[in-house]
Protein backbone atom coordinates (compact mmCIF):
# COMPACT_ATOMS: atom_id res chain seq x y z
CA MET A 1 8.38 10.34 -16.64
CA LYS A 2 5.55 9.19 -14.40
CA LYS A 3 3.41 11.77 -12.69
CA ILE A 4 2.97 11.45 -8.94
CA ILE A 5 -0.31 12.62 -7.44
CA GLN A 6 -0.85 12.72 -3.68
CA LEU A 7 -4.60 13.08 -3.68
CA THR A 8 -7.70 10.89 -3.82
CA GLY A 9 -9.03 7.86 -5.64
CA THR A 10 -11.43 10.15 -7.50
CA VAL A 11 -8.45 11.94 -9.02
CA LEU A 12 -7.04 8.58 -10.09
CA ALA A 13 -10.29 7.64 -11.80
CA ALA A 14 -10.55 10.96 -13.60
CA THR A 15 -6.91 10.79 -14.70
CA LEU A 16 -7.04 7.28 -16.12
CA ILE A 17 -10.36 7.90 -17.84
CA GLY A 18 -8.81 10.89 -19.57
CA CYS A 19 -5.86 8.77 -20.72
CA GLY A 20 -7.73 5.53 -21.23
CA GLY A 21 -7.21 5.19 -24.93
CA GLY A 22 -9.65 5.46 -27.78
CA GLY A 23 -10.61 2.69 -30.12
CA SER A 24 -14.04 1.65 -31.24
CA GLU A 25 -16.26 -0.44 -29.02
CA THR A 26 -19.18 -2.60 -30.02
CA LYS A 27 -22.54 -0.99 -29.47
CA PHE A 28 -23.41 -3.14 -26.48
CA GLU A 29 -20.00 -3.34 -24.84
CA LYS A 30 -18.56 -0.80 -22.42
CA PRO A 31 -14.81 -0.14 -22.34
CA VAL A 32 -13.17 -1.86 -19.39
CA ILE A 33 -10.57 -0.79 -16.83
CA GLY A 34 -8.80 -3.52 -14.87
CA TYR A 35 -7.80 -3.01 -11.24
CA THR A 36 -5.64 -5.55 -9.41
CA THR A 37 -5.32 -4.87 -5.70
CA LYS A 38 -2.70 -5.86 -3.20
CA ASP A 39 -5.14 -7.49 -0.78
CA LEU A 40 -8.92 -7.09 -0.56
CA SER A 41 -8.90 -8.29 3.04
CA ASN A 42 -7.66 -4.75 3.76
CA PRO A 43 -10.70 -2.40 3.61
CA PHE A 44 -8.49 0.36 2.20
CA PHE A 45 -8.15 -1.43 -1.12
CA ASN A 46 -11.90 -2.13 -1.25
CA ILE A 47 -12.51 1.62 -0.98
CA ILE A 48 -10.16 2.24 -3.90
CA GLY A 49 -11.95 -0.37 -6.01
CA ASP A 50 -15.40 0.97 -5.13
CA THR A 51 -14.33 4.54 -5.93
CA LEU A 52 -12.91 3.48 -9.29
CA LYS A 53 -16.17 1.73 -10.18
CA THR A 54 -18.30 4.72 -9.17
CA GLU A 55 -16.25 7.33 -11.02
CA ALA A 56 -15.64 5.18 -14.11
CA ALA A 57 -19.35 4.41 -14.45
CA LYS A 58 -20.06 8.15 -14.79
CA HIS A 59 -17.98 8.09 -17.98
CA GLY A 60 -19.34 4.84 -19.42
CA TYR A 61 -16.58 2.50 -18.24
CA ASP A 62 -16.79 -0.81 -16.40
CA VAL A 63 -14.14 -1.72 -13.83
CA ILE A 64 -12.99 -5.27 -13.10
CA VAL A 65 -11.57 -5.58 -9.57
CA VAL A 66 -9.45 -8.63 -8.75
CA ASP A 67 -7.62 -9.55 -5.55
CA GLY A 68 -3.87 -10.11 -5.74
CA GLY A 69 -4.03 -11.85 -2.38
CA ASP A 70 -0.71 -10.25 -1.48
CA ARG A 71 1.01 -12.63 -3.92
CA ALA A 72 3.16 -11.19 -6.69
CA GLU A 73 2.71 -14.32 -8.82
CA THR A 74 -1.07 -14.05 -8.65
CA GLN A 75 -0.97 -10.38 -9.58
CA ASP A 76 1.30 -11.06 -12.55
CA LYS A 77 -1.26 -13.53 -13.93
CA GLN A 78 -4.06 -11.02 -13.37
CA ILE A 79 -2.21 -8.34 -15.34
CA ASP A 80 -1.58 -10.87 -18.11
CA ASP A 81 -5.33 -11.58 -18.16
CA PHE A 82 -6.12 -7.86 -18.42
CA ILE A 83 -3.74 -7.60 -21.36
CA SER A 84 -5.37 -10.55 -23.13
CA ARG A 85 -8.79 -8.96 -22.58
CA LYS A 86 -7.45 -5.74 -24.15
CA VAL A 87 -8.68 -3.52 -21.33
CA LYS A 88 -8.45 0.23 -21.88
CA ALA A 89 -6.29 0.83 -18.80
CA ILE A 90 -4.80 -1.08 -15.89
CA VAL A 91 -4.64 0.16 -12.30
CA VAL A 92 -2.28 -1.66 -9.93
CA SER A 93 -1.76 -1.61 -6.19
CA PRO A 94 1.44 -3.69 -6.33
CA CYS A 95 1.92 -6.75 -4.15
CA ASP A 96 5.66 -6.32 -4.72
CA SER A 97 6.98 -2.89 -5.66
CA LYS A 98 9.92 -4.22 -7.67
CA SER A 99 8.77 -7.43 -9.36
CA VAL A 100 5.52 -5.92 -10.67
CA GLY A 101 7.65 -4.00 -13.18
CA ALA A 102 7.96 -7.01 -15.49
CA SER A 103 4.17 -7.30 -15.87
CA ILE A 104 3.78 -3.57 -16.33
CA ARG A 105 6.31 -3.66 -19.16
CA LYS A 106 4.12 -6.26 -20.89
CA ALA A 107 1.19 -3.85 -20.68
CA ASN A 108 3.44 -1.06 -21.98
CA LYS A 109 4.31 -3.23 -24.98
CA ALA A 110 0.61 -3.88 -25.61
CA GLY A 111 -0.10 -0.15 -25.58
CA ILE A 112 -2.24 -0.26 -22.43
CA PRO A 113 -1.72 2.67 -20.03
CA VAL A 114 -0.86 1.66 -16.47
CA PHE A 115 -1.53 3.58 -13.28
CA THR A 116 -0.36 2.67 -9.78
CA VAL A 117 -2.03 3.56 -6.52
CA ASP A 118 -0.81 3.50 -2.90
CA LEU A 119 2.24 1.30 -3.50
CA ALA A 120 4.67 2.61 -6.10
CA CYS A 121 6.43 0.48 -8.70
CA THR A 122 10.15 0.90 -8.03
CA ASP A 123 11.21 -0.65 -11.36
CA GLU A 124 12.35 2.41 -13.30
CA THR A 125 12.16 0.55 -16.63
CA ALA A 126 8.38 0.20 -16.32
CA GLU A 127 6.30 3.06 -17.74
CA ILE A 128 3.67 4.42 -15.36
CA VAL A 129 1.28 7.14 -16.57
CA SER A 130 0.76 8.41 -13.03
CA HIS A 131 1.00 7.25 -9.45
CA VAL A 132 -1.51 8.26 -6.78
CA GLU A 133 -0.32 7.90 -3.23
CA THR A 134 -0.71 9.07 0.32
CA ASP A 135 2.21 10.91 1.88
CA ASN A 136 3.60 7.78 3.51
CA PHE A 137 6.72 9.42 4.90
CA GLY A 138 4.58 12.18 6.41
CA GLY A 139 2.17 9.59 7.78
CA GLY A 140 5.05 7.80 9.45
CA LYS A 141 6.16 11.05 11.05
CA LEU A 142 2.65 11.62 12.40
CA ALA A 143 2.75 8.11 13.91
CA GLY A 144 6.10 8.94 15.49
CA GLU A 145 4.71 12.13 16.96
CA ALA A 146 1.75 10.19 18.37
CA MET A 147 4.18 7.66 19.87
CA VAL A 148 6.21 10.43 21.52
CA LYS A 149 3.02 11.91 22.94
CA ALA A 150 1.96 8.51 24.29
CA ILE A 151 5.19 7.32 25.95
CA GLY A 152 7.77 10.08 25.41
CA ALA A 153 7.74 11.20 29.04
CA VAL A 154 9.21 7.90 30.22
CA GLY A 155 10.36 6.12 27.03
CA GLY A 156 10.64 2.36 26.72
CA LYS A 157 10.66 -0.51 24.25
CA VAL A 158 8.78 -0.29 20.96
CA LEU A 159 8.06 -3.03 18.43
CA ILE A 160 7.65 -2.24 14.73
CA LEU A 161 5.47 -4.50 12.58
CA HIS A 162 6.80 -3.99 9.06
CA LEU A 163 6.07 -4.96 5.45
CA ALA A 164 9.46 -4.37 3.88
CA THR A 165 8.42 -5.43 0.36
CA ALA A 166 6.08 -2.42 0.11
CA ASP A 167 7.76 0.90 -0.62
CA SER A 168 4.91 2.77 1.08
CA CYS A 169 5.57 0.88 4.31
CA VAL A 170 9.31 1.50 4.03
CA GLN A 171 8.53 5.23 3.83
CA ARG A 172 6.19 5.05 6.84
CA VAL A 173 8.83 3.33 8.96
CA ARG A 174 11.45 5.84 7.82
CA GLY A 175 9.25 8.77 8.84
CA PHE A 176 8.45 7.11 12.17
CA THR A 177 12.07 6.35 13.06
CA GLU A 178 13.17 9.87 12.10
CA VAL A 179 10.84 11.35 14.72
CA ILE A 180 11.84 8.78 17.34
CA GLU A 181 15.55 9.44 16.76
CA ALA A 182 14.99 13.19 17.09
CA HIS A 183 13.15 12.61 20.36
CA ASN A 184 15.95 10.43 21.72
CA GLN A 185 18.60 13.04 20.96
CA LYS A 186 16.78 15.52 23.18
CA ASN A 187 15.59 13.10 25.88
CA GLU A 188 18.45 10.84 26.92
CA ASN A 189 16.63 9.74 30.07
CA ALA A 190 13.37 8.95 28.28
CA ARG A 191 14.62 7.18 25.19
CA ILE A 192 12.15 5.30 23.01
CA VAL A 193 14.02 2.17 22.00
CA ILE A 194 13.04 0.31 18.84
CA ALA A 195 13.64 -3.13 20.31
CA GLU A 196 12.76 -5.12 17.20
CA THR A 197 11.36 -4.82 13.69
CA LEU A 198 9.36 -7.90 12.73
CA PRO A 199 7.44 -8.92 9.59
CA GLY A 200 3.73 -8.34 10.00
CA GLY A 201 2.76 -9.16 6.42
CA GLY A 202 0.43 -6.17 6.35
CA ASN A 203 -2.33 -8.47 7.66
CA GLN A 204 -3.91 -9.46 10.96
CA GLN A 205 -2.79 -13.08 11.08
CA ASP A 206 0.94 -12.53 10.57
CA SER A 207 1.00 -9.44 12.79
CA LYS A 208 -0.79 -11.29 15.59
CA LYS A 209 1.70 -14.14 15.34
CA SER A 210 4.77 -11.86 15.38
CA THR A 211 3.44 -9.82 18.28
CA ALA A 212 2.51 -12.84 20.37
CA ALA A 213 5.97 -14.37 19.92
CA PHE A 214 7.76 -11.11 20.78
CA VAL A 215 5.71 -10.30 23.85
CA GLN A 216 6.52 -13.64 25.48
CA GLY A 217 10.13 -12.59 26.01
CA ASN A 218 9.53 -8.85 26.33
CA LYS A 219 6.99 -8.21 29.05
CA ASP A 220 8.30 -4.65 29.38
CA LEU A 221 7.16 -3.71 25.85
CA ARG A 222 5.61 -0.23 25.96
CA ALA A 223 4.14 0.26 22.49
CA ILE A 224 3.82 -1.05 18.93
CA PHE A 225 4.01 0.78 15.61
CA ALA A 226 2.09 -1.16 12.95
CA ILE A 227 2.34 -0.06 9.32
CA ASN A 228 -1.40 -0.36 8.56
CA ASP A 229 -4.80 -1.02 10.12
CA PRO A 230 -4.86 -4.83 9.68
CA SER A 231 -1.40 -5.07 11.28
CA ALA A 232 -2.55 -2.95 14.21
CA LEU A 233 -5.65 -5.10 14.68
CA GLY A 234 -3.51 -8.23 14.67
CA ALA A 235 -1.18 -6.75 17.28
CA TYR A 236 -4.16 -5.71 19.40
CA ALA A 237 -5.60 -9.22 19.26
CA ALA A 238 -2.29 -10.70 20.42
CA LEU A 239 -1.99 -8.26 23.32
CA LYS A 240 -5.59 -8.88 24.35
CA GLN A 241 -4.94 -12.63 24.48
């Protein structure tokens, strides 16, 4: 059974170093940990990679960080490359929560421990040593509470910019909508209406495009809930234009 940790990247580094396998190394070669990210254009994943490098170095490990580019196919090839290099451990921020399971099973077969961070692998047949995550459902609830504080007195239309392929984003939207629904039950005359849920891709470009298209026919839009920082920045850029 995988262990779920809702703490920091430092905890992830310490955990995987402790489980990172033995084996003899050549005198001049450090053991290597491979980290494939969802998308390095998102500063969040850069922070994870930098933290892994810093903490691993304290224990004599090198960390290879590669960018999945938000493409499951690219990430699958990266995991295959880590396996062929015989890295001591693999850390994954999945581009696709379900499909990444097939690549993780390959690493399982090769005896390489796998850890996931931020986005969980939802394939129950894949063996994960531990998963480190934020409380995404709780984060979504906090966003909902902030939305109620911002427009709850009068209500109005809200747009959600989603990334439905990421389980973390699904949990954020679920937490957000739970708070909004609770508000609406108590405030019939100030309902916050989720007018539309559109794909934002978790990035600025797609979120800007979706927002710009929606605003054209919805000039009475009151607010937007974006599932991450790049999505919010994209939405802001569209509104500013």
